[in-house]
Amino acid sequence: VMSVNPGFGGQKFIPHVLGKIEAVRKLVD
């Protein structure tokens, strides 16, 4: 799950992607 838009380093973290982490973890488990 990308927490920045891809292409360059040093970008600011996008916190709303944590919801996707939770959804993927729930499915995997």
PDB file of all heavy atoms in Angstrom:
ATOM      1  N   VAL A   1       0.861  -1.182   0.000  1.00  0.00           N
ATOM      2  CA  VAL A   1       0.000   0.000   0.000  1.00  0.00           C
ATOM      3  C   VAL A   1       0.897   1.232   0.000  1.00  0.00           C
ATOM      4  O   VAL A   1       1.691   1.434   0.925  1.00  0.00           O
ATOM      5  CB  VAL A   1      -0.928   0.007   1.226  1.00  0.00           C
ATOM      6  CG1 VAL A   1      -1.747   1.294   1.279  1.00  0.00           C
ATOM      7  CG2 VAL A   1      -1.852  -1.216   1.201  1.00  0.00           C
ATOM      8  N   MET A   2       0.781   2.039  -1.050  1.00  0.00           N
ATOM      9  CA  MET A   2       1.577   3.257  -1.132  1.00  0.00           C
ATOM     10  C   MET A   2       0.970   4.328  -0.229  1.00  0.00           C
ATOM     11  O   MET A   2      -0.228   4.609  -0.290  1.00  0.00           O
ATOM     12  CB  MET A   2       1.631   3.772  -2.567  1.00  0.00           C
ATOM     13  CG  MET A   2       2.399   2.886  -3.530  1.00  0.00           C
ATOM     14  SD  MET A   2       4.141   2.684  -3.058  1.00  0.00           S
ATOM     15  CE  MET A   2       4.734   4.379  -3.187  1.00  0.00           C
ATOM     16  N   SER A   3       1.814   4.935   0.592  1.00  0.00           N
ATOM     17  CA  SER A   3       1.367   6.031   1.463  1.00  0.00           C
ATOM     18  C   SER A   3       1.910   7.375   0.988  1.00  0.00           C
ATOM     19  O   SER A   3       1.870   8.369   1.717  1.00  0.00           O
ATOM     20  CB  SER A   3       1.766   5.760   2.911  1.00  0.00           C
ATOM     21  OG  SER A   3       3.090   5.298   3.028  1.00  0.00           O
ATOM     22  N   VAL A   4       2.424   7.394  -0.244  1.00  0.00           N
ATOM     23  CA  VAL A   4       2.707   8.615  -1.000  1.00  0.00           C
ATOM     24  C   VAL A   4       2.393   8.290  -2.457  1.00  0.00           C
ATOM     25  O   VAL A   4       2.252   7.122  -2.831  1.00  0.00           O
ATOM     26  CB  VAL A   4       4.178   9.081  -0.883  1.00  0.00           C
ATOM     27  CG1 VAL A   4       4.544   9.421   0.550  1.00  0.00           C
ATOM     28  CG2 VAL A   4       5.133   8.041  -1.459  1.00  0.00           C
ATOM     29  N   ASN A   5       2.305   9.295  -3.287  1.00  0.00           N
ATOM     30  CA  ASN A   5       2.184   9.047  -4.718  1.00  0.00           C
ATOM     31  C   ASN A   5       3.556   8.660  -5.259  1.00  0.00           C
ATOM     32  O   ASN A   5       4.559   9.323  -4.962  1.00  0.00           O
ATOM     33  CB  ASN A   5       1.642  10.280  -5.432  1.00  0.00           C
ATOM     34  CG  ASN A   5       0.199  10.546  -5.066  1.00  0.00           C
ATOM     35  OD1 ASN A   5      -0.653   9.679  -5.228  1.00  0.00           O
ATOM     36  ND2 ASN A   5      -0.081  11.731  -4.546  1.00  0.00           N
ATOM     37  N   PRO A   6       3.641   7.579  -6.032  1.00  0.00           N
ATOM     38  CA  PRO A   6       4.948   7.034  -6.389  1.00  0.00           C
ATOM     39  C   PRO A   6       5.717   7.912  -7.361  1.00  0.00           C
ATOM     40  O   PRO A   6       5.142   8.669  -8.138  1.00  0.00           O
ATOM     41  CB  PRO A   6       4.598   5.693  -7.032  1.00  0.00           C
ATOM     42  CG  PRO A   6       3.239   5.903  -7.600  1.00  0.00           C
ATOM     43  CD  PRO A   6       2.538   6.816  -6.625  1.00  0.00           C
ATOM     44  N   GLY A   7       7.039   7.790  -7.279  1.00  0.00           N
ATOM     45  CA  GLY A   7       7.895   8.474  -8.239  1.00  0.00           C
ATOM     46  C   GLY A   7       9.069   9.202  -7.637  1.00  0.00           C
ATOM     47  O   GLY A   7      10.134   9.303  -8.248  1.00  0.00           O
ATOM     48  N   PHE A   8       8.901   9.697  -6.406  1.00  0.00           N
ATOM     49  CA  PHE A   8       9.977  10.462  -5.776  1.00  0.00           C
ATOM     50  C   PHE A   8      10.020  10.145  -4.284  1.00  0.00           C
ATOM     51  O   PHE A   8       8.977   9.965  -3.646  1.00  0.00           O
ATOM     52  CB  PHE A   8       9.773  11.970  -5.970  1.00  0.00           C
ATOM     53  CG  PHE A   8       9.851  12.406  -7.409  1.00  0.00           C
ATOM     54  CD1 PHE A   8       8.713  12.443  -8.196  1.00  0.00           C
ATOM     55  CD2 PHE A   8      11.074  12.747  -7.978  1.00  0.00           C
ATOM     56  CE1 PHE A   8       8.768  12.831  -9.528  1.00  0.00           C
ATOM     57  CE2 PHE A   8      11.139  13.125  -9.311  1.00  0.00           C
ATOM     58  CZ  PHE A   8       9.994  13.167 -10.089  1.00  0.00           C
ATOM     59  N   GLY A   9      11.229  10.108  -3.728  1.00  0.00           N
ATOM     60  CA  GLY A   9      11.393   9.920  -2.299  1.00  0.00           C
ATOM     61  C   GLY A   9      11.183  11.222  -1.541  1.00  0.00           C
ATOM     62  O   GLY A   9      11.077  12.302  -2.124  1.00  0.00           O
ATOM     63  N   GLY A  10      11.128  11.104  -0.218  1.00  0.00           N
ATOM     64  CA  GLY A  10      11.066  12.281   0.635  1.00  0.00           C
ATOM     65  C   GLY A  10       9.711  12.952   0.710  1.00  0.00           C
ATOM     66  O   GLY A  10       9.610  14.093   1.169  1.00  0.00           O
ATOM     67  N   GLN A  11       8.637  12.251   0.290  1.00  0.00           N
ATOM     68  CA  GLN A  11       7.312  12.857   0.320  1.00  0.00           C
ATOM     69  C   GLN A  11       6.650  12.688   1.692  1.00  0.00           C
ATOM     70  O   GLN A  11       7.056  11.868   2.512  1.00  0.00           O
ATOM     71  CB  GLN A  11       6.422  12.230  -0.753  1.00  0.00           C
ATOM     72  CG  GLN A  11       6.894  12.437  -2.177  1.00  0.00           C
ATOM     73  CD  GLN A  11       5.901  11.879  -3.165  1.00  0.00           C
ATOM     74  OE1 GLN A  11       4.767  12.322  -3.262  1.00  0.00           O
ATOM     75  NE2 GLN A  11       6.333  10.857  -3.910  1.00  0.00           N
ATOM     76  N   LYS A  12       5.573  13.460   1.891  1.00  0.00           N
ATOM     77  CA  LYS A  12       4.860  13.429   3.158  1.00  0.00           C
ATOM     78  C   LYS A  12       3.862  12.283   3.187  1.00  0.00           C
ATOM     79  O   LYS A  12       3.137  12.033   2.228  1.00  0.00           O
ATOM     80  CB  LYS A  12       4.132  14.762   3.376  1.00  0.00           C
ATOM     81  CG  LYS A  12       3.488  14.896   4.743  1.00  0.00           C
ATOM     82  CD  LYS A  12       2.859  16.270   4.918  1.00  0.00           C
ATOM     83  CE  LYS A  12       2.198  16.394   6.284  1.00  0.00           C
ATOM     84  NZ  LYS A  12       1.585  17.749   6.477  1.00  0.00           N
ATOM     85  N   PHE A  13       3.821  11.583   4.297  1.00  0.00           N
ATOM     86  CA  PHE A  13       2.931  10.463   4.540  1.00  0.00           C
ATOM     87  C   PHE A  13       1.462  10.873   4.382  1.00  0.00           C
ATOM     88  O   PHE A  13       1.047  11.932   4.867  1.00  0.00           O
ATOM     89  CB  PHE A  13       3.189   9.957   5.959  1.00  0.00           C
ATOM     90  CG  PHE A  13       2.332   8.807   6.401  1.00  0.00           C
ATOM     91  CD1 PHE A  13       2.599   7.521   5.973  1.00  0.00           C
ATOM     92  CD2 PHE A  13       1.278   9.012   7.279  1.00  0.00           C
ATOM     93  CE1 PHE A  13       1.823   6.462   6.404  1.00  0.00           C
ATOM     94  CE2 PHE A  13       0.501   7.953   7.716  1.00  0.00           C
ATOM     95  CZ  PHE A  13       0.777   6.674   7.270  1.00  0.00           C
ATOM     96  N   ILE A  14       0.677  10.030   3.692  1.00  0.00           N
ATOM     97  CA  ILE A  14      -0.755  10.253   3.494  1.00  0.00           C
ATOM     98  C   ILE A  14      -1.508   9.344   4.461  1.00  0.00           C
ATOM     99  O   ILE A  14      -1.615   8.136   4.233  1.00  0.00           O
ATOM    100  CB  ILE A  14      -1.168   9.964   2.037  1.00  0.00           C
ATOM    101  CG1 ILE A  14      -0.399  10.881   1.068  1.00  0.00           C
ATOM    102  CG2 ILE A  14      -2.671  10.122   1.855  1.00  0.00           C
ATOM    103  CD1 ILE A  14      -0.613  10.545  -0.401  1.00  0.00           C
ATOM    104  N   PRO A  15      -2.057   9.872   5.541  1.00  0.00           N
ATOM    105  CA  PRO A  15      -2.593   9.007   6.596  1.00  0.00           C
ATOM    106  C   PRO A  15      -3.846   8.234   6.224  1.00  0.00           C
ATOM    107  O   PRO A  15      -4.096   7.171   6.807  1.00  0.00           O
ATOM    108  CB  PRO A  15      -2.865   9.974   7.756  1.00  0.00           C
ATOM    109  CG  PRO A  15      -2.907  11.327   7.154  1.00  0.00           C
ATOM    110  CD  PRO A  15      -2.036  11.293   5.948  1.00  0.00           C
ATOM    111  N   HIS A  16      -4.638   8.704   5.257  1.00  0.00           N
ATOM    112  CA  HIS A  16      -5.895   8.006   4.989  1.00  0.00           C
ATOM    113  C   HIS A  16      -5.680   6.609   4.405  1.00  0.00           C
ATOM    114  O   HIS A  16      -6.607   5.784   4.404  1.00  0.00           O
ATOM    115  CB  HIS A  16      -6.814   8.837   4.089  1.00  0.00           C
ATOM    116  CG  HIS A  16      -6.402   8.897   2.639  1.00  0.00           C
ATOM    117  ND1 HIS A  16      -6.543   7.849   1.769  1.00  0.00           N
ATOM    118  CD2 HIS A  16      -5.860   9.913   1.913  1.00  0.00           C
ATOM    119  CE1 HIS A  16      -6.117   8.193   0.570  1.00  0.00           C
ATOM    120  NE2 HIS A  16      -5.692   9.435   0.637  1.00  0.00           N
ATOM    121  N   VAL A  17      -4.467   6.301   3.929  1.00  0.00           N
ATOM    122  CA  VAL A  17      -4.224   4.960   3.396  1.00  0.00           C
ATOM    123  C   VAL A  17      -4.211   3.900   4.489  1.00  0.00           C
ATOM    124  O   VAL A  17      -4.270   2.702   4.189  1.00  0.00           O
ATOM    125  CB  VAL A  17      -2.906   4.896   2.594  1.00  0.00           C
ATOM    126  CG1 VAL A  17      -2.890   5.944   1.492  1.00  0.00           C
ATOM    127  CG2 VAL A  17      -1.681   5.022   3.483  1.00  0.00           C
ATOM    128  N   LEU A  18      -4.140   4.306   5.754  1.00  0.00           N
ATOM    129  CA  LEU A  18      -4.145   3.321   6.832  1.00  0.00           C
ATOM    130  C   LEU A  18      -5.421   2.490   6.826  1.00  0.00           C
ATOM    131  O   LEU A  18      -5.413   1.332   7.257  1.00  0.00           O
ATOM    132  CB  LEU A  18      -3.960   4.016   8.181  1.00  0.00           C
ATOM    133  CG  LEU A  18      -2.593   4.671   8.401  1.00  0.00           C
ATOM    134  CD1 LEU A  18      -2.581   5.441   9.719  1.00  0.00           C
ATOM    135  CD2 LEU A  18      -1.470   3.633   8.377  1.00  0.00           C
ATOM    136  N   GLY A  19      -6.499   3.064   6.339  1.00  0.00           N
ATOM    137  CA  GLY A  19      -7.732   2.287   6.213  1.00  0.00           C
ATOM    138  C   GLY A  19      -7.572   1.122   5.255  1.00  0.00           C
ATOM    139  O   GLY A  19      -8.152   0.042   5.473  1.00  0.00           O
ATOM    140  N   LYS A  20      -6.783   1.310   4.192  1.00  0.00           N
ATOM    141  CA  LYS A  20      -6.536   0.206   3.257  1.00  0.00           C
ATOM    142  C   LYS A  20      -5.640  -0.853   3.893  1.00  0.00           C
ATOM    143  O   LYS A  20      -5.829  -2.056   3.663  1.00  0.00           O
ATOM    144  CB  LYS A  20      -5.909   0.731   1.964  1.00  0.00           C
ATOM    145  CG  LYS A  20      -6.908   1.379   1.043  1.00  0.00           C
ATOM    146  CD  LYS A  20      -6.357   1.585  -0.348  1.00  0.00           C
ATOM    147  CE  LYS A  20      -5.370   2.715  -0.412  1.00  0.00           C
ATOM    148  NZ  LYS A  20      -4.956   3.013  -1.804  1.00  0.00           N
ATOM    149  N   ILE A  21      -4.666  -0.418   4.693  1.00  0.00           N
ATOM    150  CA  ILE A  21      -3.847  -1.389   5.425  1.00  0.00           C
ATOM    151  C   ILE A  21      -4.742  -2.260   6.296  1.00  0.00           C
ATOM    152  O   ILE A  21      -4.612  -3.497   6.331  1.00  0.00           O
ATOM    153  CB  ILE A  21      -2.789  -0.668   6.285  1.00  0.00           C
ATOM    154  CG1 ILE A  21      -1.738   0.016   5.404  1.00  0.00           C
ATOM    155  CG2 ILE A  21      -2.131  -1.632   7.267  1.00  0.00           C
ATOM    156  CD1 ILE A  21      -0.739  -0.918   4.765  1.00  0.00           C
ATOM    157  N   GLU A  22      -5.656  -1.639   7.014  1.00  0.00           N
ATOM    158  CA  GLU A  22      -6.563  -2.386   7.888  1.00  0.00           C
ATOM    159  C   GLU A  22      -7.406  -3.377   7.085  1.00  0.00           C
ATOM    160  O   GLU A  22      -7.613  -4.522   7.512  1.00  0.00           O
ATOM    161  CB  GLU A  22      -7.463  -1.419   8.651  1.00  0.00           C
ATOM    162  CG  GLU A  22      -6.727  -0.570   9.668  1.00  0.00           C
ATOM    163  CD  GLU A  22      -7.616   0.489  10.298  1.00  0.00           C
ATOM    164  OE1 GLU A  22      -8.751   0.699   9.793  1.00  0.00           O
ATOM    165  OE2 GLU A  22      -7.191   1.103  11.290  1.00  0.00           O
ATOM    166  N   ALA A  23      -7.890  -2.934   5.923  1.00  0.00           N
ATOM    167  CA  ALA A  23      -8.732  -3.809   5.106  1.00  0.00           C
ATOM    168  C   ALA A  23      -7.946  -4.994   4.553  1.00  0.00           C
ATOM    169  O   ALA A  23      -8.438  -6.134   4.547  1.00  0.00           O
ATOM    170  CB  ALA A  23      -9.352  -3.005   3.961  1.00  0.00           C
ATOM    171  N   VAL A  24      -6.722  -4.740   4.097  1.00  0.00           N
ATOM    172  CA  VAL A  24      -5.895  -5.837   3.587  1.00  0.00           C
ATOM    173  C   VAL A  24      -5.555  -6.806   4.718  1.00  0.00           C
ATOM    174  O   VAL A  24      -5.645  -8.031   4.556  1.00  0.00           O
ATOM    175  CB  VAL A  24      -4.614  -5.303   2.913  1.00  0.00           C
ATOM    176  CG1 VAL A  24      -3.706  -6.458   2.511  1.00  0.00           C
ATOM    177  CG2 VAL A  24      -4.944  -4.451   1.693  1.00  0.00           C
ATOM    178  N   ARG A  25      -5.186  -6.282   5.878  1.00  0.00           N
ATOM    179  CA  ARG A  25      -4.855  -7.153   7.010  1.00  0.00           C
ATOM    180  C   ARG A  25      -6.044  -8.022   7.403  1.00  0.00           C
ATOM    181  O   ARG A  25      -5.899  -9.222   7.651  1.00  0.00           O
ATOM    182  CB  ARG A  25      -4.404  -6.280   8.198  1.00  0.00           C
ATOM    183  CG  ARG A  25      -4.255  -7.009   9.533  1.00  0.00           C
ATOM    184  CD  ARG A  25      -3.351  -8.230   9.479  1.00  0.00           C
ATOM    185  NE  ARG A  25      -2.028  -7.888   9.007  1.00  0.00           N
ATOM    186  CZ  ARG A  25      -1.151  -8.786   8.545  1.00  0.00           C
ATOM    187  NH1 ARG A  25      -1.469 -10.066   8.484  1.00  0.00           N
ATOM    188  NH2 ARG A  25       0.031  -8.396   8.123  1.00  0.00           N
ATOM    189  N   LYS A  26      -7.231  -7.430   7.443  1.00  0.00           N
ATOM    190  CA  LYS A  26      -8.424  -8.190   7.816  1.00  0.00           C
ATOM    191  C   LYS A  26      -8.669  -9.324   6.826  1.00  0.00           C
ATOM    192  O   LYS A  26      -8.980 -10.464   7.228  1.00  0.00           O
ATOM    193  CB  LYS A  26      -9.633  -7.259   7.876  1.00  0.00           C
ATOM    194  CG  LYS A  26     -10.913  -7.945   8.304  1.00  0.00           C
ATOM    195  CD  LYS A  26     -12.068  -6.946   8.404  1.00  0.00           C
ATOM    196  CE  LYS A  26     -13.361  -7.647   8.829  1.00  0.00           C
ATOM    197  NZ  LYS A  26     -14.488  -6.675   8.930  1.00  0.00           N
ATOM    198  N   LEU A  27      -8.510  -9.039   5.533  1.00  0.00           N
ATOM    199  CA  LEU A  27      -8.722 -10.064   4.519  1.00  0.00           C
ATOM    200  C   LEU A  27      -7.673 -11.170   4.627  1.00  0.00           C
ATOM    201  O   LEU A  27      -8.005 -12.367   4.581  1.00  0.00           O
ATOM    202  CB  LEU A  27      -8.684  -9.437   3.130  1.00  0.00           C
ATOM    203  CG  LEU A  27      -8.880 -10.396   1.950  1.00  0.00           C
ATOM    204  CD1 LEU A  27     -10.239 -11.073   2.023  1.00  0.00           C
ATOM    205  CD2 LEU A  27      -8.726  -9.659   0.627  1.00  0.00           C
ATOM    206  N   VAL A  28      -6.412 -10.784   4.757  1.00  0.00           N
ATOM    207  CA  VAL A  28      -5.334 -11.773   4.871  1.00  0.00           C
ATOM    208  C   VAL A  28      -5.574 -12.691   6.065  1.00  0.00           C
ATOM    209  O   VAL A  28      -5.479 -13.921   5.967  1.00  0.00           O
ATOM    210  CB  VAL A  28      -3.971 -11.058   4.971  1.00  0.00           C
ATOM    211  CG1 VAL A  28      -2.876 -12.019   5.418  1.00  0.00           C
ATOM    212  CG2 VAL A  28      -3.593 -10.426   3.635  1.00  0.00           C
ATOM    213  N   ASP A  29      -5.899 -12.100   7.204  1.00  0.00           N
ATOM    214  CA  ASP A  29      -6.081 -12.896   8.421  1.00  0.00           C
ATOM    215  C   ASP A  29      -7.335 -13.761   8.350  1.00  0.00           C
ATOM    216  O   ASP A  29      -7.320 -14.933   8.747  1.00  0.00           O
ATOM    217  CB  ASP A  29      -6.150 -11.986   9.644  1.00  0.00           C
ATOM    218  CG  ASP A  29      -4.806 -11.356   9.994  1.00  0.00           C
ATOM    219  OD1 ASP A  29      -3.797 -11.737   9.375  1.00  0.00           O
ATOM    220  OD2 ASP A  29      -4.776 -10.484  10.879  1.00  0.00           O
TER     221      ASP A  29
END
